[in-house]
Amino acid sequence: AAENGLCEPCYSSVPAPAPAPGPVPIPVPVSLSPSPSPSPSPPTVPSSERNALVVLYDNTDGPNWKNNENWLNGDPCSELWYGVECDSEGQHVELLQLNNNLLAGMIPSELGQLSKLTLLDLYLNQLSGMIPSELGQLSALEDLQLQDNQLSGTIPSDLGEISALKSLQLQDNQLSGTIPSDLGEMSALQTLYLQTNELSGQVPDWICNVSIYDLTDNLFSCPLPSCCSAAENGLCEPCYSSVPAPAPAPGPVPIPVPVSLSPSPSPSPSPSPSPSPSPSPSPSPSPSPSPSPSPSP
């Protein structure tokens, strides 16, 4: 190194050989962002609403409905139960449409728990019994369709508490009693169909404030409001000065006895009794002959 350095380097001891080159390790990227939290479970309807639907299924012969797809499986909204529609968040039932679906039985009072329901459509089934007054709790309801069933009893006055109700259709049932005056308090009511029932009493004057209505074929008393009398549109006719007696229940048809139209023969005169014959006189005995004289010797 002091001269020309052509022998450099030099070592006081032999250095250890350099290790053989190996594969270069690939660095593992480390994420500095926090790990994602698990996705939340889908929302479900309140248990009270699901229970109301289950009771409807049980009360109306659900296994024999025309269509019961997905019913009783999980959540009514996420599992898409037939005839059930929910709000955009899937948290409340808004529409219940089961018309013409072979429902048979009574409407359960639990349907009053469907607090966000806007449409209840159960027409053209085989529902019987009374309309539950608890339906008056459906404050968001706009359309109630129960026509073409076999419902009986009176119209619940509680329905008048549904301020949002626009259409009430109860025609073609067996409802009786009077039209509740409370229905006149429903300012949103536009359509009222009550025809072909057994309703009686006076037709209230507020019916003239309803845009579309039909009250025909009932047992209402005269006089009728002028707007729906025979002189106007006849949509409340007929009316009666006294309520007609209900038709007797059908009984066995009597078998007619054939009646002959030919004149019946006059009875032959009974023979007059013939006079009894007078007893003939018994013949007097004939004289016995005298003995002939014996010959003389």
Protein backbone atom coordinates (compact mmCIF):
# COMPACT_ATOMS: atom_id res chain seq x y z
CA ALA A 1 0.00 0.00 0.00
CA ALA A 2 3.03 2.30 0.58
CA GLU A 3 4.24 1.69 -2.96
CA ASN A 4 1.66 0.77 -5.50
CA GLY A 5 -0.97 -1.32 -3.50
CA LEU A 6 -1.08 -4.05 -6.15
CA CYS A 7 -1.16 -6.78 -3.50
CA GLU A 8 -3.65 -5.25 -1.24
CA PRO A 9 -5.46 -6.15 0.83
CA CYS A 10 -3.75 -8.26 3.36
CA TYR A 11 -4.98 -9.82 6.59
CA SER A 12 -3.43 -10.69 9.81
CA SER A 13 -5.76 -13.73 9.86
CA VAL A 14 -7.84 -15.30 7.08
CA PRO A 15 -11.45 -13.87 7.13
CA ALA A 16 -14.38 -16.20 7.29
CA PRO A 17 -16.00 -16.75 3.88
CA ALA A 18 -19.14 -14.71 3.18
CA PRO A 19 -22.36 -16.66 3.53
CA ALA A 20 -24.00 -17.91 0.34
CA PRO A 21 -26.78 -15.66 -0.87
CA GLY A 22 -30.28 -16.90 0.00
CA PRO A 23 -33.81 -15.85 -0.98
CA VAL A 24 -34.65 -12.31 -0.07
CA PRO A 25 -37.62 -12.32 2.40
CA ILE A 26 -40.73 -10.57 1.09
CA PRO A 27 -41.93 -7.94 3.54
CA VAL A 28 -45.45 -8.42 4.84
CA PRO A 29 -47.49 -5.20 4.61
CA VAL A 30 -48.88 -4.12 7.93
CA SER A 31 -52.27 -2.33 7.89
CA LEU A 32 -52.44 0.56 10.23
CA SER A 33 -56.27 0.86 9.91
CA PRO A 34 -58.36 -0.83 12.63
CA SER A 35 -59.91 -4.20 11.79
CA PRO A 36 -63.56 -3.92 10.62
CA SER A 37 -66.21 -4.66 13.21
CA PRO A 38 -68.61 -7.56 12.42
CA SER A 39 -71.62 -6.54 10.26
CA PRO A 40 -74.73 -5.95 12.35
CA SER A 41 -77.59 -8.44 12.14
CA PRO A 42 -80.46 -7.39 9.85
CA PRO A 43 -83.25 -5.46 11.57
CA THR A 44 -86.33 -7.36 12.66
CA VAL A 45 -89.92 -6.34 13.31
CA PRO A 46 -91.05 -6.04 16.93
CA SER A 47 -92.08 -9.31 18.49
CA SER A 48 -95.61 -7.94 19.01
CA GLU A 49 -96.06 -7.47 15.25
CA ARG A 50 -94.68 -10.90 14.39
CA ASN A 51 -96.90 -12.46 17.04
CA ALA A 52 -99.97 -10.72 15.57
CA LEU A 53 -99.25 -12.28 12.18
CA VAL A 54 -98.67 -15.73 13.72
CA VAL A 55 -102.03 -15.53 15.54
CA LEU A 56 -103.73 -14.58 12.27
CA TYR A 57 -102.16 -17.62 10.62
CA ASP A 58 -103.26 -19.92 13.43
CA ASN A 59 -106.80 -18.49 13.67
CA THR A 60 -107.58 -18.66 9.96
CA ASP A 61 -106.34 -22.13 9.01
CA GLY A 62 -103.00 -20.95 7.66
CA PRO A 63 -101.78 -24.40 6.53
CA ASN A 64 -104.66 -24.51 4.05
CA TRP A 65 -104.30 -21.00 2.63
CA LYS A 66 -104.03 -20.76 -1.11
CA ASN A 67 -100.59 -19.22 -0.65
CA ASN A 68 -98.64 -19.23 2.64
CA GLU A 69 -95.12 -18.95 1.23
CA ASN A 70 -92.44 -18.38 3.90
CA TRP A 71 -94.95 -17.85 6.70
CA LEU A 72 -93.60 -18.65 10.18
CA ASN A 73 -90.01 -18.71 8.85
CA GLY A 74 -87.85 -16.20 10.71
CA ASP A 75 -88.60 -12.50 10.31
CA PRO A 76 -91.71 -11.50 8.28
CA CYS A 77 -89.83 -8.71 6.48
CA SER A 78 -86.44 -10.29 5.75
CA GLU A 79 -87.99 -13.67 4.91
CA LEU A 80 -90.62 -12.09 2.65
CA TRP A 81 -93.77 -13.67 4.04
CA TYR A 82 -96.44 -13.79 1.35
CA GLY A 83 -98.78 -10.79 1.45
CA VAL A 84 -96.63 -8.88 3.96
CA GLU A 85 -94.82 -5.67 2.99
CA CYS A 86 -92.64 -3.66 5.36
CA ASP A 87 -91.15 -0.19 5.53
CA SER A 88 -87.82 0.59 3.87
CA GLU A 89 -85.89 -0.21 7.06
CA GLY A 90 -87.60 -3.57 7.48
CA GLN A 91 -88.69 -2.72 11.00
CA HIS A 92 -92.49 -2.49 10.74
CA VAL A 93 -95.29 -4.15 8.76
CA GLU A 94 -97.02 -1.58 6.53
CA LEU A 95 -99.19 -3.66 4.16
CA LEU A 96 -101.09 -6.90 4.76
CA GLN A 97 -102.75 -8.20 1.59
CA LEU A 98 -104.30 -11.67 1.84
CA ASN A 99 -107.43 -11.26 -0.28
CA ASN A 100 -108.93 -14.32 -1.97
CA ASN A 101 -106.57 -16.61 -0.11
CA LEU A 102 -108.93 -19.09 1.64
CA LEU A 103 -108.65 -17.58 5.12
CA ALA A 104 -111.31 -19.24 7.28
CA GLY A 105 -112.03 -18.27 10.87
CA MET A 106 -112.15 -15.14 13.00
CA ILE A 107 -110.06 -11.98 12.69
CA PRO A 108 -107.80 -11.87 15.77
CA SER A 109 -107.75 -8.78 17.98
CA GLU A 110 -103.93 -8.96 17.94
CA LEU A 111 -103.91 -7.25 14.53
CA GLY A 112 -104.37 -4.04 16.48
CA GLN A 113 -100.64 -4.34 17.36
CA LEU A 114 -99.58 -3.53 13.79
CA SER A 115 -99.09 0.12 14.66
CA LYS A 116 -97.63 1.20 11.29
CA LEU A 117 -100.12 -0.66 9.10
CA THR A 118 -101.60 1.45 6.29
CA LEU A 119 -103.49 -1.27 4.34
CA LEU A 120 -105.43 -4.24 5.72
CA ASP A 121 -106.87 -6.23 2.82
CA LEU A 122 -108.66 -9.47 3.76
CA TYR A 123 -111.59 -9.40 1.35
CA LEU A 124 -113.09 -12.39 -0.47
CA ASN A 125 -112.28 -15.01 2.13
CA GLN A 126 -114.34 -17.07 4.59
CA LEU A 127 -113.88 -14.92 7.68
CA SER A 128 -116.66 -15.05 10.27
CA GLY A 129 -117.50 -13.64 13.67
CA MET A 130 -117.30 -9.98 14.68
CA ILE A 131 -114.93 -7.25 13.56
CA PRO A 132 -112.56 -6.77 16.54
CA SER A 133 -112.77 -3.32 18.08
CA GLU A 134 -108.95 -3.37 18.49
CA LEU A 135 -108.65 -2.47 14.81
CA GLY A 136 -109.47 1.04 16.00
CA GLN A 137 -105.90 1.18 17.37
CA LEU A 138 -104.44 1.18 13.84
CA SER A 139 -103.84 4.93 13.80
CA ALA A 140 -101.90 4.84 10.49
CA LEU A 141 -104.49 2.77 8.62
CA GLU A 142 -105.74 4.33 5.39
CA ASP A 143 -107.55 1.44 3.69
CA LEU A 144 -109.62 -1.30 5.39
CA GLN A 145 -111.09 -3.97 3.11
CA LEU A 146 -113.11 -6.76 4.74
CA GLN A 147 -115.83 -7.16 2.11
CA ASP A 148 -117.17 -10.45 0.74
CA ASN A 149 -116.83 -12.49 3.92
CA GLN A 150 -119.29 -13.83 6.51
CA LEU A 151 -118.73 -11.24 9.23
CA SER A 152 -121.60 -10.61 11.65
CA GLY A 153 -122.43 -8.41 14.61
CA THR A 154 -122.21 -4.62 14.67
CA ILE A 155 -119.70 -2.21 13.15
CA PRO A 156 -117.31 -1.25 15.98
CA SER A 157 -117.58 2.42 16.88
CA ASP A 158 -113.82 2.30 17.61
CA LEU A 159 -113.16 2.44 13.88
CA GLY A 160 -114.13 6.10 14.10
CA GLU A 161 -110.87 6.71 15.98
CA ILE A 162 -108.78 6.01 12.86
CA SER A 163 -108.32 9.58 11.70
CA ALA A 164 -106.20 8.56 8.69
CA LEU A 165 -108.78 6.15 7.25
CA LYS A 166 -109.73 7.03 3.67
CA SER A 167 -111.56 3.89 2.50
CA LEU A 168 -113.82 1.56 4.52
CA GLN A 169 -115.28 -1.41 2.65
CA LEU A 170 -117.51 -3.81 4.61
CA GLN A 171 -120.06 -4.76 1.97
CA ASP A 172 -121.46 -8.25 1.34
CA ASN A 173 -121.33 -9.50 4.91
CA GLN A 174 -123.98 -10.13 7.58
CA LEU A 175 -123.45 -7.02 9.69
CA SER A 176 -126.37 -5.70 11.73
CA GLY A 177 -127.22 -2.78 14.00
CA THR A 178 -126.87 0.89 13.16
CA ILE A 179 -124.12 2.88 11.48
CA PRO A 180 -121.98 4.23 14.37
CA SER A 181 -122.11 8.00 14.62
CA ASP A 182 -118.35 7.95 15.37
CA LEU A 183 -117.63 7.13 11.73
CA GLY A 184 -118.78 10.64 10.89
CA GLU A 185 -115.76 12.00 12.80
CA MET A 186 -113.31 10.57 10.25
CA SER A 187 -112.45 13.68 8.27
CA ALA A 188 -110.27 11.78 5.78
CA LEU A 189 -112.99 9.26 4.83
CA GLN A 190 -113.64 9.33 1.07
CA THR A 191 -115.09 5.88 0.32
CA LEU A 192 -117.70 3.98 2.35
CA TYR A 193 -119.21 0.72 1.08
CA LEU A 194 -121.77 -0.95 3.38
CA GLN A 195 -124.21 -2.45 0.88
CA THR A 196 -125.77 -5.90 1.17
CA ASN A 197 -125.77 -6.30 4.93
CA GLU A 198 -128.51 -6.26 7.58
CA LEU A 199 -127.93 -2.74 8.90
CA SER A 200 -130.93 -0.86 10.30
CA GLY A 201 -131.91 2.43 11.93
CA GLN A 202 -131.53 5.89 10.44
CA VAL A 203 -128.91 6.72 7.83
CA PRO A 204 -126.87 9.60 9.32
CA ASP A 205 -126.83 12.88 7.44
CA TRP A 206 -123.02 12.99 7.38
CA ILE A 207 -123.13 10.34 4.66
CA CYS A 208 -123.70 13.23 2.24
CA ASN A 209 -120.15 14.46 2.99
CA VAL A 210 -118.55 11.22 1.76
CA SER A 211 -117.39 11.34 -1.85
CA ILE A 212 -118.14 7.70 -2.79
CA TYR A 213 -120.60 5.50 -0.93
CA ASP A 214 -123.11 2.70 -1.35
CA LEU A 215 -125.56 1.65 1.39
CA THR A 216 -128.11 -0.23 -0.72
CA ASP A 217 -129.81 -3.50 0.25
CA ASN A 218 -130.02 -3.01 4.00
CA LEU A 219 -132.93 -2.49 6.42
CA PHE A 220 -132.75 1.26 7.01
CA SER A 221 -135.67 3.28 8.35
CA CYS A 222 -137.38 6.05 6.41
CA PRO A 223 -136.86 8.89 5.75
CA LEU A 224 -133.44 8.82 4.13
CA PRO A 225 -131.05 11.76 3.71
CA SER A 226 -132.00 13.64 0.59
CA CYS A 227 -128.61 13.02 -1.04
CA CYS A 228 -129.15 9.25 -1.26
CA SER A 229 -132.92 8.87 -1.51
CA ALA A 230 -134.70 7.49 -4.53
CA ALA A 231 -135.26 11.04 -5.74
CA GLU A 232 -131.49 11.61 -5.93
CA ASN A 233 -129.22 8.58 -6.50
CA GLY A 234 -130.95 5.81 -4.51
CA LEU A 235 -127.69 4.69 -2.91
CA CYS A 236 -129.36 4.24 0.50
CA GLU A 237 -132.49 2.49 -0.74
CA PRO A 238 -134.64 0.76 0.23
CA CYS A 239 -135.99 2.16 3.47
CA TYR A 240 -138.83 0.88 5.63
CA SER A 241 -141.39 2.54 7.85
CA SER A 242 -140.94 -0.47 10.11
CA VAL A 243 -138.16 -2.99 10.02
CA PRO A 244 -139.34 -6.07 8.14
CA ALA A 245 -139.29 -9.29 10.02
CA PRO A 246 -136.35 -11.47 9.08
CA ALA A 247 -137.08 -14.25 6.67
CA PRO A 248 -137.67 -17.55 8.43
CA ALA A 249 -134.85 -19.99 8.39
CA PRO A 250 -135.25 -22.49 5.60
CA GLY A 251 -136.69 -25.77 6.74
CA PRO A 252 -137.44 -29.06 5.03
CA VAL A 253 -139.52 -28.65 1.91
CA PRO A 254 -142.93 -30.33 2.41
CA ILE A 255 -143.81 -32.96 -0.12
CA PRO A 256 -146.95 -31.84 -1.93
CA VAL A 257 -149.95 -34.11 -1.66
CA PRO A 258 -151.53 -34.60 -5.09
CA VAL A 259 -155.03 -33.20 -5.28
CA SER A 260 -157.44 -34.62 -7.83
CA LEU A 261 -159.30 -31.96 -9.78
CA SER A 262 -162.04 -34.34 -11.05
CA PRO A 263 -165.24 -34.14 -9.05
CA SER A 264 -165.44 -36.83 -6.49
CA PRO A 265 -168.39 -39.19 -7.01
CA SER A 266 -171.35 -38.46 -4.81
CA PRO A 267 -171.84 -41.15 -2.23
CA SER A 268 -174.44 -43.74 -3.17
CA PRO A 269 -177.54 -43.45 -1.03
CA SER A 270 -177.65 -45.97 1.68
CA PRO A 271 -180.62 -48.41 1.11
CA SER A 272 -183.64 -47.67 3.19
CA PRO A 273 -184.32 -50.44 5.59
CA SER A 274 -186.97 -52.82 4.25
CA PRO A 275 -189.84 -53.45 6.61
CA SER A 276 -189.39 -56.63 8.47
CA PRO A 277 -191.98 -59.25 7.25
CA SER A 278 -194.86 -59.89 9.59
CA PRO A 279 -194.79 -63.40 10.88
CA SER A 280 -197.01 -65.67 8.82
CA PRO A 281 -199.69 -67.51 10.86
CA SER A 282 -198.67 -70.96 11.65
CA PRO A 283 -200.96 -73.47 9.80
CA SER A 284 -203.60 -75.05 11.93
CA PRO A 285 -203.11 -78.78 12.27
CA SER A 286 -205.20 -80.82 9.78
CA PRO A 287 -207.72 -83.29 11.40
CA SER A 288 -206.36 -86.73 11.61
CA PRO A 289 -208.45 -89.23 9.37
CA SER A 290 -210.97 -91.41 11.14
CA PRO A 291 -210.10 -95.08 11.12
CA SER A 292 -211.78 -97.10 8.39
CA PRO A 293 -214.21 -99.80 9.68
CA SER A 294 -212.74 -103.19 9.77
CA PRO A 295 -214.67 -105.78 7.52
CA SER A 296 -217.30 -107.85 9.18
CA PRO A 297 -216.81 -111.54 9.15
